[in-house]
Amino acid sequence: MKSKTVMTIRLSRLKWMRKSFPQVYVRGDSIYICVNSHDSDSKGRIRHHYSIRSRNGKKAINLLEQLAEMDKKISDMDFYWAENYIGVSPKAHEYAIKTPSPLGLNNDFFNKAVQGSNSMTYRNTYTSMGINFRSKNELIVAELLKDLGLKFKYEPRIVLGNNVEIYPDFLIGIEEADRCFVFEMQGMMNDANYALKASQKETIYINHGFRDGKDILFFKAGNDSIDFDVLRLFIEAVVEANIKEAFGLS
């Protein structure tokens, strides 16, 4: 079972973040965004509307999708709370972050990362969620992250230190902690050439200050399929470690 203290912070802060978003809805060919007015002479909410085919309309559709993802995550966490803990689900609360990511791996970093930046040729393609993955194991990771309610970007380009470019398998966001971390699926460690390249890549991360178990998770496997339950425990442990550090619990 997940730590009740950590779960309380995650859920209540996520609800607090959700309240800051505007109301967005679609009617016909228009999409509406309603925001609270900051003008003391204005009452109620200000409503903007755009054609769903316009540039602003497409941005609003993207916002609507983000809100739907957040609402689902809150709903799933509320359900988990009801199933596992005594007492009512926590209400919205800010919970100020005490320790930002020491490497700047925050929500802004995550949002700016561009998915699918690696131009290396695909040998195999495993498609899910509209994404082409290079291996079946990576597809399993992606589906698990979706099940855990964690946002991710597959093979984004990130820049380390003095313009060192690297393409992690996944960049995983922990939105409510203003954090993200790298996940490297090292799935062919029985192959000597693969293991050497994986080791070299691992060294690059470590030399740039990435902490195993917080800023990055290396998940080593042989040529066989990975254990879904073990992988879940590893990912949840990294999420919890980041939450505890961010909010001063460790």
Protein backbone atom coordinates (compact mmCIF):
# COMPACT_ATOMS: atom_id res chain seq x y z
CA MET A 1 0.00 0.00 0.00
CA LYS A 2 1.22 3.52 -0.78
CA SER A 3 2.14 5.83 2.09
CA LYS A 4 -0.98 7.61 3.35
CA THR A 5 0.98 10.80 4.04
CA VAL A 6 2.43 10.90 0.54
CA MET A 7 -0.96 10.06 -0.98
CA THR A 8 -2.59 12.87 1.02
CA ILE A 9 -0.12 15.42 -0.30
CA ARG A 10 -0.34 14.20 -3.89
CA LEU A 11 -4.12 14.12 -3.99
CA SER A 12 -4.83 17.35 -2.12
CA ARG A 13 -2.20 19.32 -4.06
CA LEU A 14 -3.47 17.94 -7.38
CA LYS A 15 -7.00 19.04 -6.46
CA TRP A 16 -5.60 22.48 -5.57
CA MET A 17 -3.83 22.70 -8.94
CA ARG A 18 -7.03 21.66 -10.72
CA LYS A 19 -8.93 24.58 -9.18
CA SER A 20 -6.53 27.04 -10.83
CA PHE A 21 -7.50 25.86 -14.32
CA PRO A 22 -10.25 27.63 -16.25
CA GLN A 23 -13.52 25.96 -17.21
CA VAL A 24 -13.46 24.70 -20.79
CA TYR A 25 -16.35 23.27 -22.78
CA VAL A 26 -17.44 22.71 -26.38
CA ARG A 27 -20.71 23.72 -27.98
CA GLY A 28 -21.21 23.06 -31.64
CA ASP A 29 -18.21 24.33 -33.59
CA SER A 30 -17.01 26.58 -30.77
CA ILE A 31 -14.94 25.98 -27.67
CA TYR A 32 -15.34 28.20 -24.62
CA ILE A 33 -12.82 29.11 -21.94
CA CYS A 34 -14.12 30.73 -18.75
CA VAL A 35 -11.65 32.41 -16.40
CA ASN A 36 -12.10 34.31 -13.16
CA SER A 37 -11.89 38.06 -13.61
CA HIS A 38 -9.11 39.91 -11.77
CA ASP A 39 -10.75 43.25 -12.51
CA SER A 40 -12.42 44.66 -9.39
CA ASP A 41 -15.03 46.40 -11.59
CA SER A 42 -15.97 43.15 -13.29
CA LYS A 43 -18.23 40.52 -11.82
CA GLY A 44 -18.21 36.79 -12.35
CA ARG A 45 -16.17 35.13 -15.07
CA ILE A 46 -14.80 36.26 -18.40
CA ARG A 47 -15.71 33.93 -21.25
CA HIS A 48 -13.67 33.58 -24.43
CA HIS A 49 -14.81 31.46 -27.35
CA TYR A 50 -13.05 30.28 -30.50
CA SER A 51 -13.76 28.13 -33.51
CA ILE A 52 -12.46 24.64 -32.80
CA ARG A 53 -10.61 24.82 -36.14
CA SER A 54 -8.75 28.05 -35.31
CA ARG A 55 -5.26 28.20 -33.81
CA ASN A 56 -6.64 29.32 -30.45
CA GLY A 57 -9.36 26.71 -30.72
CA LYS A 58 -6.79 23.95 -31.15
CA LYS A 59 -4.89 25.25 -28.11
CA ALA A 60 -8.14 25.20 -26.14
CA ILE A 61 -8.81 21.61 -27.25
CA ASN A 62 -5.36 20.69 -25.93
CA LEU A 63 -6.22 22.37 -22.63
CA LEU A 64 -9.50 20.45 -22.50
CA GLU A 65 -7.59 17.20 -22.97
CA GLN A 66 -5.18 18.15 -20.15
CA LEU A 67 -8.13 18.85 -17.86
CA ALA A 68 -9.68 15.49 -18.73
CA GLU A 69 -6.39 13.74 -17.88
CA MET A 70 -6.16 15.58 -14.57
CA ASP A 71 -9.78 14.82 -13.68
CA LYS A 72 -9.24 11.13 -14.42
CA LYS A 73 -6.10 11.08 -12.29
CA ILE A 74 -7.94 12.70 -9.39
CA SER A 75 -10.82 10.26 -9.79
CA ASP A 76 -8.46 7.26 -9.82
CA MET A 77 -6.61 8.53 -6.74
CA ASP A 78 -9.90 9.18 -4.93
CA PHE A 79 -10.93 5.61 -5.70
CA TYR A 80 -7.61 4.26 -4.42
CA TRP A 81 -8.03 6.32 -1.26
CA ALA A 82 -11.53 4.96 -0.61
CA GLU A 83 -10.31 1.40 -1.14
CA ASN A 84 -7.23 1.60 1.07
CA TYR A 85 -7.56 4.24 3.78
CA ILE A 86 -9.94 5.17 6.58
CA GLY A 87 -11.58 8.60 6.43
CA VAL A 88 -12.78 10.93 3.71
CA SER A 89 -10.64 11.85 0.73
CA PRO A 90 -8.46 14.95 1.38
CA LYS A 91 -9.68 18.32 0.12
CA ALA A 92 -7.72 20.71 -2.08
CA HIS A 93 -4.68 22.16 -0.33
CA GLU A 94 -1.57 23.88 -1.71
CA TYR A 95 1.29 22.16 0.18
CA ALA A 96 4.20 24.41 -0.75
CA ILE A 97 7.18 22.68 -2.36
CA LYS A 98 10.21 22.92 -0.07
CA THR A 99 12.89 21.41 -2.30
CA PRO A 100 12.79 22.01 -6.07
CA SER A 101 14.53 19.50 -8.32
CA PRO A 102 18.28 20.10 -7.92
CA LEU A 103 18.76 19.45 -11.65
CA GLY A 104 15.86 21.63 -12.79
CA LEU A 105 13.82 18.58 -13.79
CA ASN A 106 10.48 20.34 -13.25
CA ASN A 107 7.15 20.72 -15.04
CA ASP A 108 8.56 23.42 -17.31
CA PHE A 109 11.43 21.11 -18.31
CA PHE A 110 8.94 18.32 -19.00
CA ASN A 111 6.59 20.51 -21.03
CA LYS A 112 9.40 21.84 -23.23
CA ALA A 113 10.76 18.39 -24.05
CA VAL A 114 9.75 17.30 -27.55
CA GLN A 115 8.59 13.70 -27.84
CA GLY A 116 9.97 11.40 -30.53
CA SER A 117 13.14 13.39 -31.21
CA ASN A 118 15.40 10.37 -31.72
CA SER A 119 15.94 9.88 -35.45
CA MET A 120 17.57 6.43 -35.13
CA THR A 121 16.01 3.94 -37.54
CA TYR A 122 13.36 1.59 -36.15
CA ARG A 123 13.95 -2.14 -36.54
CA ASN A 124 10.59 -3.07 -35.06
CA THR A 125 7.48 -1.05 -34.35
CA TYR A 126 5.04 -1.61 -31.49
CA THR A 127 2.25 0.95 -31.61
CA SER A 128 0.08 2.11 -28.73
CA MET A 129 -1.52 5.47 -27.86
CA GLY A 130 -0.52 6.72 -31.29
CA ILE A 131 3.19 6.22 -30.51
CA ASN A 132 5.62 3.87 -32.24
CA PHE A 133 7.84 2.11 -29.71
CA ARG A 134 11.09 0.34 -30.56
CA SER A 135 10.47 -2.67 -28.33
CA LYS A 136 7.67 -4.59 -26.71
CA ASN A 137 9.18 -3.84 -23.30
CA GLU A 138 8.97 -0.10 -23.96
CA LEU A 139 5.34 -0.48 -24.93
CA ILE A 140 4.73 -2.29 -21.63
CA VAL A 141 6.39 0.59 -19.76
CA ALA A 142 4.20 3.13 -21.56
CA GLU A 143 1.00 1.25 -20.79
CA LEU A 144 2.01 0.93 -17.13
CA LEU A 145 2.72 4.66 -16.90
CA LYS A 146 -0.70 5.36 -18.35
CA ASP A 147 -2.26 2.99 -15.81
CA LEU A 148 -0.41 4.82 -13.00
CA GLY A 149 -1.71 8.17 -14.23
CA LEU A 150 1.79 9.47 -15.00
CA LYS A 151 2.45 11.68 -18.00
CA PHE A 152 5.42 10.69 -20.13
CA LYS A 153 7.31 11.64 -23.27
CA TYR A 154 8.93 8.92 -25.33
CA GLU A 155 12.48 9.49 -26.59
CA PRO A 156 12.57 13.27 -26.10
CA ARG A 157 15.72 15.29 -26.75
CA ILE A 158 17.23 16.70 -23.58
CA VAL A 159 20.43 18.69 -23.18
CA LEU A 160 22.81 18.09 -20.29
CA GLY A 161 25.65 20.29 -19.05
CA ASN A 162 27.74 21.73 -21.87
CA ASN A 163 25.27 20.99 -24.68
CA VAL A 164 25.46 17.20 -24.34
CA GLU A 165 22.42 15.83 -26.18
CA ILE A 166 20.84 12.60 -25.01
CA TYR A 167 17.61 10.77 -25.82
CA PRO A 168 16.18 8.92 -22.82
CA ASP A 169 13.64 6.17 -23.39
CA PHE A 170 11.08 8.04 -21.27
CA LEU A 171 10.77 11.34 -19.44
CA ILE A 172 8.14 10.88 -16.72
CA GLY A 173 6.28 13.76 -15.09
CA ILE A 174 5.18 14.03 -11.46
CA GLU A 175 2.99 17.07 -12.02
CA GLU A 176 1.87 17.68 -8.44
CA ALA A 177 5.50 17.72 -7.20
CA ASP A 178 6.76 19.96 -10.03
CA ARG A 179 9.21 17.20 -10.91
CA CYS A 180 10.07 14.76 -13.67
CA PHE A 181 12.57 11.94 -14.00
CA VAL A 182 14.24 9.85 -16.68
CA PHE A 183 13.51 6.16 -17.23
CA GLU A 184 15.95 3.97 -19.18
CA MET A 185 14.66 0.54 -20.22
CA GLN A 186 17.81 -1.58 -20.44
CA GLY A 187 16.14 -4.62 -21.89
CA MET A 188 18.85 -6.55 -23.74
CA MET A 189 21.59 -6.72 -21.12
CA ASN A 190 22.45 -10.28 -22.20
CA ASP A 191 23.86 -8.80 -25.42
CA ALA A 192 27.46 -7.58 -24.89
CA ASN A 193 27.30 -4.69 -27.40
CA TYR A 194 23.96 -3.50 -26.05
CA ALA A 195 25.20 -3.70 -22.45
CA LEU A 196 28.29 -1.64 -23.31
CA LYS A 197 26.26 1.13 -24.92
CA ALA A 198 23.81 1.09 -21.99
CA SER A 199 26.72 1.41 -19.55
CA GLN A 200 28.17 4.36 -21.50
CA LYS A 201 24.81 6.11 -21.51
CA GLU A 202 24.41 5.44 -17.78
CA THR A 203 27.83 7.04 -17.14
CA ILE A 204 26.76 10.21 -18.96
CA TYR A 205 23.76 10.62 -16.67
CA ILE A 206 25.73 9.94 -13.48
CA ASN A 207 28.50 12.35 -14.53
CA HIS A 208 25.84 15.06 -14.94
CA GLY A 209 24.53 14.61 -11.42
CA PHE A 210 21.54 12.33 -12.02
CA ARG A 211 20.71 10.38 -8.86
CA ASP A 212 19.65 6.79 -9.38
CA GLY A 213 16.23 6.28 -7.81
CA LYS A 214 15.25 9.98 -7.97
CA ASP A 215 16.34 11.75 -11.14
CA ILE A 216 16.65 8.55 -13.13
CA LEU A 217 15.54 4.93 -13.00
CA PHE A 218 17.58 2.28 -14.79
CA PHE A 219 15.53 -0.87 -15.21
CA LYS A 220 17.76 -3.74 -16.28
CA ALA A 221 16.40 -6.90 -17.85
CA GLY A 222 17.52 -9.82 -19.96
CA ASN A 223 16.03 -10.79 -23.29
CA ASP A 224 12.86 -12.11 -21.70
CA SER A 225 9.71 -10.14 -20.96
CA ILE A 226 9.86 -7.91 -17.91
CA ASP A 227 7.90 -8.51 -14.72
CA PHE A 228 5.01 -6.03 -14.81
CA ASP A 229 4.48 -6.01 -11.03
CA VAL A 230 8.16 -5.51 -10.22
CA LEU A 231 8.37 -2.63 -12.71
CA ARG A 232 5.33 -0.99 -11.10
CA LEU A 233 6.99 -1.15 -7.66
CA PHE A 234 10.19 0.44 -8.99
CA ILE A 235 8.36 3.32 -10.67
CA GLU A 236 6.13 3.96 -7.66
CA ALA A 237 9.23 4.00 -5.42
CA VAL A 238 10.85 6.72 -7.54
CA VAL A 239 7.65 8.78 -7.56
CA GLU A 240 7.39 8.49 -3.77
CA ALA A 241 11.07 9.40 -3.29
CA ASN A 242 10.56 12.58 -5.33
CA ILE A 243 7.36 13.48 -3.48
CA LYS A 244 9.06 13.05 -0.09
CA GLU A 245 12.05 15.17 -1.09
CA ALA A 246 9.96 17.88 -2.74
CA PHE A 247 7.72 18.35 0.31
CA GLY A 248 10.33 17.85 2.99
CA LEU A 249 9.33 14.38 4.17
CA SER A 250 12.82 12.93 3.93
